[in-house]
Amino acid sequence: MSDSWPIPCAVAIPQAFPDGEVDLDLVRRFALRAEELGYHSLWVAEQILGQTPTPEPVSYLSYLAALTNRIRLGSAVIIATTRNPVMLAKQLGTLDVLSEGRLIVGTALGGRPNTYPLLGAPQDRRARHFAESIGVMKALWTQEEASFSGQFWNFEGLSMTPRPVQKPHPPLWFGGRHPTGLQRAARLADGWMGAGSTTSDQFVEHVQILKQALNDRGRDAEAFPISKRVYVAIDDDADRAERRLREWFGAWYGNAEMGSRMSVWGSVQQVVDGLMKIVEGEAGMLMLNPVFDYMEQLDQLADEVIPRLG
């Protein structure tokens, strides 16, 4: 993180390529510039099925690990319910080794169960499936001869190496916004990231539920990272910024109206004001997500917005 910034700020790498071709030159320039500017971390999203061409997150992070040297790398979020946890543990453990311990594993239960059968995942007992998936990965990452007993997976004496560089394992940050999901994060996770598809007011409400759940479990809420993905657009022409955000939300989420409700946009001052609401809502880190004019937004956020968030 840049030492001069009042709050750690991460940034989402370009990940939606509506023209159909992944712009590797843009990705390389963006990743290297973000590291140079002192951003806390680079984040990727997951959209396995959808209309917008998007790289698979573990593969994408592996590419970014090879491009960069210091910046941390995160997923927001991998839907663990749709992955085999043994294979996912191997992939993520390997990624932590290849990145020399820079990985943050963002994961969640997911909200599109109608697609799960295509990915070998259950449509019912999803919460149990998810919790067991996390348990399987933790066991394989931390035990020399791993054992696990559950409804979906049972094994004894399994070895998976190399184990992650970070001990006991890469930090697990959960997504999710339902009260039961926030309770689950307090029970099983090492951190939490508010979804970009929630408003600032909803984020504040979710943080209070989460902190109460952490306190109820005797966990130190101050030592539990809390962040939020924020879709952001700096443009003195606020109407143009909103229009472009709505176009992106229509392509990614299939709902253009969300672009107006969930984003922060406008002049530098308007963006600062919008982000300050989230900072004051007890975010310990912001994950900023521009969706157009990537290089320009990356620099302007670092130069004109982030230093004013104190």
Protein backbone atom coordinates (compact mmCIF):
# COMPACT_ATOMS: atom_id res chain seq x y z
CA MET A 1 0.00 0.00 0.00
CA SER A 2 1.17 3.51 -0.67
CA ASP A 3 2.43 4.89 2.65
CA SER A 4 0.69 8.20 1.98
CA TRP A 5 -2.81 6.73 1.64
CA PRO A 6 -5.14 7.04 4.65
CA ILE A 7 -6.81 3.68 3.92
CA PRO A 8 -5.64 0.59 2.01
CA CYS A 9 -7.19 0.55 -1.44
CA ALA A 10 -7.28 -2.39 -3.79
CA VAL A 11 -8.38 -2.38 -7.40
CA ALA A 12 -10.20 -4.78 -9.72
CA ILE A 13 -8.24 -5.78 -12.81
CA PRO A 14 -10.09 -5.37 -16.14
CA GLN A 15 -12.11 -8.57 -16.36
CA ALA A 16 -15.02 -7.99 -18.72
CA PHE A 17 -14.14 -7.75 -22.40
CA PRO A 18 -17.33 -7.01 -24.35
CA ASP A 19 -15.46 -6.93 -27.67
CA GLY A 20 -14.83 -10.65 -27.27
CA GLU A 21 -11.04 -10.55 -27.03
CA VAL A 22 -9.12 -10.46 -23.76
CA ASP A 23 -6.92 -7.36 -24.02
CA LEU A 24 -3.66 -8.74 -22.66
CA ASP A 25 -1.76 -5.54 -23.33
CA LEU A 26 -4.25 -3.62 -21.17
CA VAL A 27 -4.10 -6.28 -18.46
CA ARG A 28 -0.30 -6.17 -18.33
CA ARG A 29 -0.11 -2.38 -18.25
CA PHE A 30 -2.86 -2.13 -15.62
CA ALA A 31 -1.34 -4.76 -13.30
CA LEU A 32 2.15 -3.27 -13.42
CA ARG A 33 0.89 0.28 -12.97
CA ALA A 34 -1.30 -0.72 -10.01
CA GLU A 35 1.74 -2.29 -8.34
CA GLU A 36 3.85 0.77 -9.10
CA LEU A 37 1.24 3.12 -7.63
CA GLY A 38 1.04 1.17 -4.38
CA TYR A 39 -2.41 -0.40 -4.53
CA HIS A 40 -2.92 -3.00 -1.81
CA SER A 41 -4.07 -5.79 -4.12
CA LEU A 42 -5.44 -6.79 -7.52
CA TRP A 43 -8.79 -8.60 -7.62
CA VAL A 44 -10.57 -10.76 -10.15
CA ALA A 45 -14.23 -11.80 -10.33
CA GLU A 46 -15.85 -15.07 -11.31
CA GLN A 47 -18.45 -15.45 -14.03
CA ILE A 48 -18.23 -18.95 -15.48
CA LEU A 49 -21.41 -18.60 -17.53
CA GLY A 50 -22.52 -15.28 -18.98
CA GLN A 51 -22.70 -13.04 -22.01
CA THR A 52 -19.57 -11.02 -21.23
CA PRO A 53 -16.22 -12.68 -22.04
CA THR A 54 -14.44 -13.09 -18.70
CA PRO A 55 -11.32 -15.11 -17.76
CA GLU A 56 -11.60 -17.92 -15.21
CA PRO A 57 -10.36 -16.49 -11.88
CA VAL A 58 -7.72 -19.01 -10.75
CA SER A 59 -6.12 -19.03 -14.19
CA TYR A 60 -6.27 -15.24 -14.32
CA LEU A 61 -4.64 -14.88 -10.90
CA SER A 62 -1.86 -17.25 -11.93
CA TYR A 63 -1.12 -15.00 -14.90
CA LEU A 64 -1.13 -11.94 -12.65
CA ALA A 65 1.19 -13.67 -10.18
CA ALA A 66 3.75 -14.10 -12.96
CA LEU A 67 3.40 -10.48 -14.08
CA THR A 68 3.83 -8.86 -10.66
CA ASN A 69 6.19 -9.07 -7.69
CA ARG A 70 4.71 -7.40 -4.59
CA ILE A 71 1.03 -6.59 -4.95
CA ARG A 72 -1.38 -9.00 -3.29
CA LEU A 73 -3.85 -10.99 -5.39
CA GLY A 74 -7.47 -11.77 -4.57
CA SER A 75 -10.65 -13.37 -5.90
CA ALA A 76 -14.02 -11.73 -5.29
CA VAL A 77 -15.45 -14.24 -5.30
CA ILE A 78 -14.92 -17.88 -6.26
CA ILE A 79 -18.19 -19.78 -5.84
CA ALA A 80 -16.82 -22.70 -3.82
CA THR A 81 -20.12 -24.58 -4.04
CA THR A 82 -19.48 -25.15 -7.76
CA ARG A 83 -15.91 -26.43 -7.35
CA ASN A 84 -14.47 -29.72 -6.19
CA PRO A 85 -12.77 -28.64 -2.95
CA VAL A 86 -9.87 -31.07 -3.29
CA MET A 87 -8.97 -29.72 -6.71
CA LEU A 88 -9.63 -26.14 -5.62
CA ALA A 89 -7.33 -26.61 -2.61
CA LYS A 90 -4.61 -27.83 -4.96
CA GLN A 91 -5.11 -24.94 -7.38
CA LEU A 92 -5.15 -22.25 -4.70
CA GLY A 93 -2.30 -23.79 -2.71
CA THR A 94 -0.21 -23.86 -5.87
CA LEU A 95 -1.17 -20.26 -6.63
CA ASP A 96 -0.03 -19.18 -3.17
CA VAL A 97 3.33 -20.85 -3.83
CA LEU A 98 3.68 -19.32 -7.30
CA SER A 99 2.86 -15.85 -5.95
CA GLU A 100 5.18 -16.34 -2.95
CA GLY A 101 2.38 -15.93 -0.43
CA ARG A 102 0.38 -13.07 -1.93
CA LEU A 103 -3.02 -14.76 -2.29
CA ILE A 104 -6.30 -13.77 -0.62
CA VAL A 105 -9.04 -16.31 -1.28
CA GLY A 106 -12.41 -14.59 -1.62
CA THR A 107 -15.20 -17.15 -1.79
CA ALA A 108 -18.95 -17.39 -1.31
CA LEU A 109 -21.97 -19.64 -1.47
CA GLY A 110 -23.29 -18.07 -4.65
CA GLY A 111 -26.76 -17.07 -5.72
CA ARG A 112 -27.53 -18.87 -9.00
CA PRO A 113 -28.34 -22.45 -7.95
CA ASN A 114 -30.18 -23.11 -11.23
CA THR A 115 -26.78 -23.29 -12.94
CA TYR A 116 -25.16 -25.54 -10.34
CA PRO A 117 -26.00 -28.94 -11.89
CA LEU A 118 -24.01 -27.93 -14.98
CA LEU A 119 -20.97 -27.59 -12.70
CA GLY A 120 -21.52 -30.75 -10.68
CA ALA A 121 -22.84 -28.88 -7.64
CA PRO A 122 -25.98 -29.53 -5.56
CA GLN A 123 -29.10 -27.40 -5.73
CA ASP A 124 -30.05 -28.19 -2.13
CA ARG A 125 -28.06 -28.36 1.11
CA ARG A 126 -25.86 -25.69 -0.44
CA ALA A 127 -24.87 -24.12 2.89
CA ARG A 128 -23.72 -27.49 4.24
CA HIS A 129 -21.88 -28.19 0.97
CA PHE A 130 -20.13 -24.82 1.17
CA ALA A 131 -19.10 -25.17 4.81
CA GLU A 132 -17.73 -28.65 4.17
CA SER A 133 -15.84 -27.38 1.12
CA ILE A 134 -14.08 -24.84 3.33
CA GLY A 135 -13.30 -27.54 5.89
CA VAL A 136 -11.86 -29.85 3.24
CA MET A 137 -9.55 -27.13 1.92
CA LYS A 138 -8.36 -26.11 5.38
CA ALA A 139 -7.60 -29.73 6.25
CA LEU A 140 -5.59 -30.31 3.07
CA TRP A 141 -3.70 -27.05 3.49
CA THR A 142 -2.75 -27.51 7.14
CA GLN A 143 -2.44 -31.24 7.91
CA GLU A 144 0.42 -33.47 6.78
CA GLU A 145 -1.99 -36.40 6.72
CA ALA A 146 -5.36 -34.74 6.27
CA SER A 147 -8.64 -36.19 7.49
CA PHE A 148 -12.19 -34.96 7.13
CA SER A 149 -15.60 -36.37 8.00
CA GLY A 150 -18.81 -34.88 6.61
CA GLN A 151 -21.97 -35.51 4.61
CA PHE A 152 -20.34 -34.81 1.25
CA TRP A 153 -16.68 -35.73 1.78
CA ASN A 154 -14.90 -38.27 3.94
CA PHE A 155 -11.21 -39.14 3.87
CA GLU A 156 -8.26 -40.03 6.06
CA GLY A 157 -4.51 -39.78 5.70
CA LEU A 158 -4.40 -37.74 2.49
CA SER A 159 -1.32 -35.67 1.67
CA MET A 160 -1.34 -32.62 -0.59
CA THR A 161 1.89 -30.79 -1.31
CA PRO A 162 3.18 -28.21 -1.81
CA ARG A 163 1.15 -26.61 0.93
CA PRO A 164 0.55 -22.86 0.82
CA VAL A 165 3.31 -20.44 1.74
CA GLN A 166 1.00 -18.52 4.10
CA LYS A 167 0.35 -20.21 7.43
CA PRO A 168 -1.89 -21.72 8.44
CA HIS A 169 -3.34 -21.07 4.97
CA PRO A 170 -4.17 -18.16 2.63
CA PRO A 171 -6.68 -15.83 4.26
CA LEU A 172 -10.27 -16.74 3.44
CA TRP A 173 -12.52 -13.75 2.89
CA PHE A 174 -16.21 -14.52 2.44
CA GLY A 175 -18.73 -12.61 0.40
CA GLY A 176 -22.45 -12.83 1.08
CA ARG A 177 -24.97 -10.40 2.52
CA HIS A 178 -27.81 -12.48 4.00
CA PRO A 179 -27.75 -12.51 7.82
CA THR A 180 -27.08 -16.26 7.83
CA GLY A 181 -24.19 -15.70 5.42
CA LEU A 182 -22.76 -13.03 7.70
CA GLN A 183 -23.06 -15.43 10.62
CA ARG A 184 -21.22 -18.01 8.52
CA ALA A 185 -18.44 -15.52 7.80
CA ALA A 186 -18.05 -14.83 11.53
CA ARG A 187 -17.77 -18.57 12.15
CA LEU A 188 -15.52 -19.73 9.31
CA ALA A 189 -13.82 -16.80 7.55
CA ASP A 190 -10.75 -14.66 8.11
CA GLY A 191 -12.30 -11.54 6.53
CA TRP A 192 -15.33 -10.28 4.59
CA MET A 193 -15.93 -8.23 1.47
CA GLY A 194 -19.21 -6.48 0.81
CA ALA A 195 -20.57 -7.10 -2.66
CA GLY A 196 -20.48 -4.49 -5.38
CA SER A 197 -24.15 -5.22 -5.93
CA THR A 198 -25.08 -3.65 -2.58
CA THR A 199 -25.57 0.00 -1.71
CA SER A 200 -23.51 1.96 0.80
CA ASP A 201 -26.44 1.91 3.26
CA GLN A 202 -26.77 -1.85 2.94
CA PHE A 203 -23.04 -2.22 3.54
CA VAL A 204 -23.29 -0.29 6.80
CA GLU A 205 -26.16 -2.52 7.93
CA HIS A 206 -24.25 -5.69 7.02
CA VAL A 207 -21.14 -4.56 8.89
CA GLN A 208 -23.13 -4.11 12.09
CA ILE A 209 -24.63 -7.60 11.79
CA LEU A 210 -21.20 -9.07 11.10
CA LYS A 211 -19.51 -7.29 13.99
CA GLN A 212 -22.20 -8.43 16.38
CA ALA A 213 -21.77 -12.01 15.14
CA LEU A 214 -18.01 -11.77 15.65
CA ASN A 215 -18.47 -10.42 19.17
CA ASP A 216 -20.96 -13.20 19.97
CA ARG A 217 -18.28 -15.73 19.01
CA GLY A 218 -15.60 -14.03 21.03
CA ARG A 219 -13.67 -12.97 17.96
CA ASP A 220 -11.85 -9.66 17.76
CA ALA A 221 -13.83 -7.59 15.24
CA GLU A 222 -10.93 -5.15 14.94
CA ALA A 223 -8.66 -7.95 13.71
CA PHE A 224 -11.18 -9.14 11.11
CA PRO A 225 -10.65 -7.40 7.73
CA ILE A 226 -13.79 -5.77 6.33
CA SER A 227 -13.83 -4.43 2.78
CA LYS A 228 -16.21 -3.55 -0.01
CA ARG A 229 -16.14 -3.72 -3.79
CA VAL A 230 -17.16 -0.30 -5.12
CA TYR A 231 -17.92 0.33 -8.77
CA VAL A 232 -16.52 3.76 -9.47
CA ALA A 233 -16.29 6.24 -12.34
CA ILE A 234 -14.59 9.63 -12.26
CA ASP A 235 -15.98 12.02 -14.87
CA ASP A 236 -16.91 15.69 -14.62
CA ASP A 237 -19.80 14.81 -16.91
CA ALA A 238 -21.80 12.86 -14.33
CA ASP A 239 -24.56 11.95 -16.79
CA ARG A 240 -22.02 10.36 -19.13
CA ALA A 241 -20.44 8.43 -16.26
CA GLU A 242 -23.81 7.11 -15.14
CA ARG A 243 -24.73 6.11 -18.69
CA ARG A 244 -21.51 4.15 -19.13
CA LEU A 245 -21.93 2.46 -15.77
CA ARG A 246 -25.46 1.44 -16.68
CA GLU A 247 -24.23 -0.03 -19.95
CA TRP A 248 -21.66 -2.11 -18.09
CA PHE A 249 -24.10 -3.29 -15.42
CA GLY A 250 -26.55 -4.27 -18.14
CA ALA A 251 -23.91 -6.47 -19.76
CA TRP A 252 -22.45 -7.97 -16.56
CA TYR A 253 -25.45 -8.26 -14.23
CA GLY A 254 -28.23 -8.07 -16.81
CA ASN A 255 -29.63 -5.09 -14.89
CA ALA A 256 -28.66 -1.58 -15.98
CA GLU A 257 -30.58 0.04 -13.11
CA MET A 258 -28.08 -1.42 -10.64
CA GLY A 259 -25.43 0.82 -12.16
CA SER A 260 -27.25 3.87 -10.85
CA ARG A 261 -28.01 2.41 -7.42
CA MET A 262 -24.77 0.63 -6.58
CA SER A 263 -21.99 2.83 -7.99
CA VAL A 264 -20.08 5.95 -7.04
CA TRP A 265 -19.54 8.36 -9.92
CA GLY A 266 -19.10 11.99 -10.98
CA SER A 267 -16.44 14.59 -10.27
CA VAL A 268 -13.47 13.88 -8.04
CA GLN A 269 -15.29 15.53 -5.13
CA GLN A 270 -18.45 13.50 -5.75
CA VAL A 271 -16.44 10.29 -5.82
CA VAL A 272 -14.58 11.23 -2.63
CA ASP A 273 -17.88 11.98 -0.90
CA GLY A 274 -19.41 8.70 -2.05
CA LEU A 275 -16.43 6.64 -0.91
CA MET A 276 -16.26 8.43 2.43
CA LYS A 277 -19.74 7.08 3.27
CA ILE A 278 -18.30 3.58 2.96
CA VAL A 279 -15.15 4.42 4.90
CA GLU A 280 -17.27 5.91 7.67
CA GLY A 281 -19.34 2.71 7.55
CA GLU A 282 -16.25 0.95 8.96
CA ALA A 283 -14.65 -0.40 5.81
CA GLY A 284 -11.01 -1.19 6.52
CA MET A 285 -10.19 -1.46 2.83
CA LEU A 286 -11.84 -0.41 -0.43
CA MET A 287 -11.70 -2.52 -3.55
CA LEU A 288 -12.25 0.01 -6.32
CA ASN A 289 -13.70 -1.29 -9.56
CA PRO A 290 -13.53 0.97 -12.63
CA VAL A 291 -15.31 -0.44 -15.66
CA PHE A 292 -14.05 1.84 -18.46
CA ASP A 293 -11.07 4.12 -19.21
CA TYR A 294 -9.11 1.75 -17.01
CA MET A 295 -5.64 3.30 -17.08
CA GLU A 296 -6.94 6.83 -16.64
CA GLN A 297 -9.22 5.83 -13.75
CA LEU A 298 -6.41 3.89 -12.08
CA ASP A 299 -4.11 6.92 -12.03
CA GLN A 300 -6.77 9.45 -11.13
CA LEU A 301 -8.04 7.38 -8.21
CA ALA A 302 -4.49 7.08 -6.86
CA ASP A 303 -3.56 10.72 -7.42
CA GLU A 304 -6.75 12.65 -6.66
CA VAL A 305 -9.23 10.47 -4.76
CA ILE A 306 -7.56 8.01 -2.39
CA PRO A 307 -5.31 10.58 -0.64
CA ARG A 308 -8.47 12.49 0.36
CA LEU A 309 -10.20 9.56 2.09
CA GLY A 310 -8.77 10.32 5.53
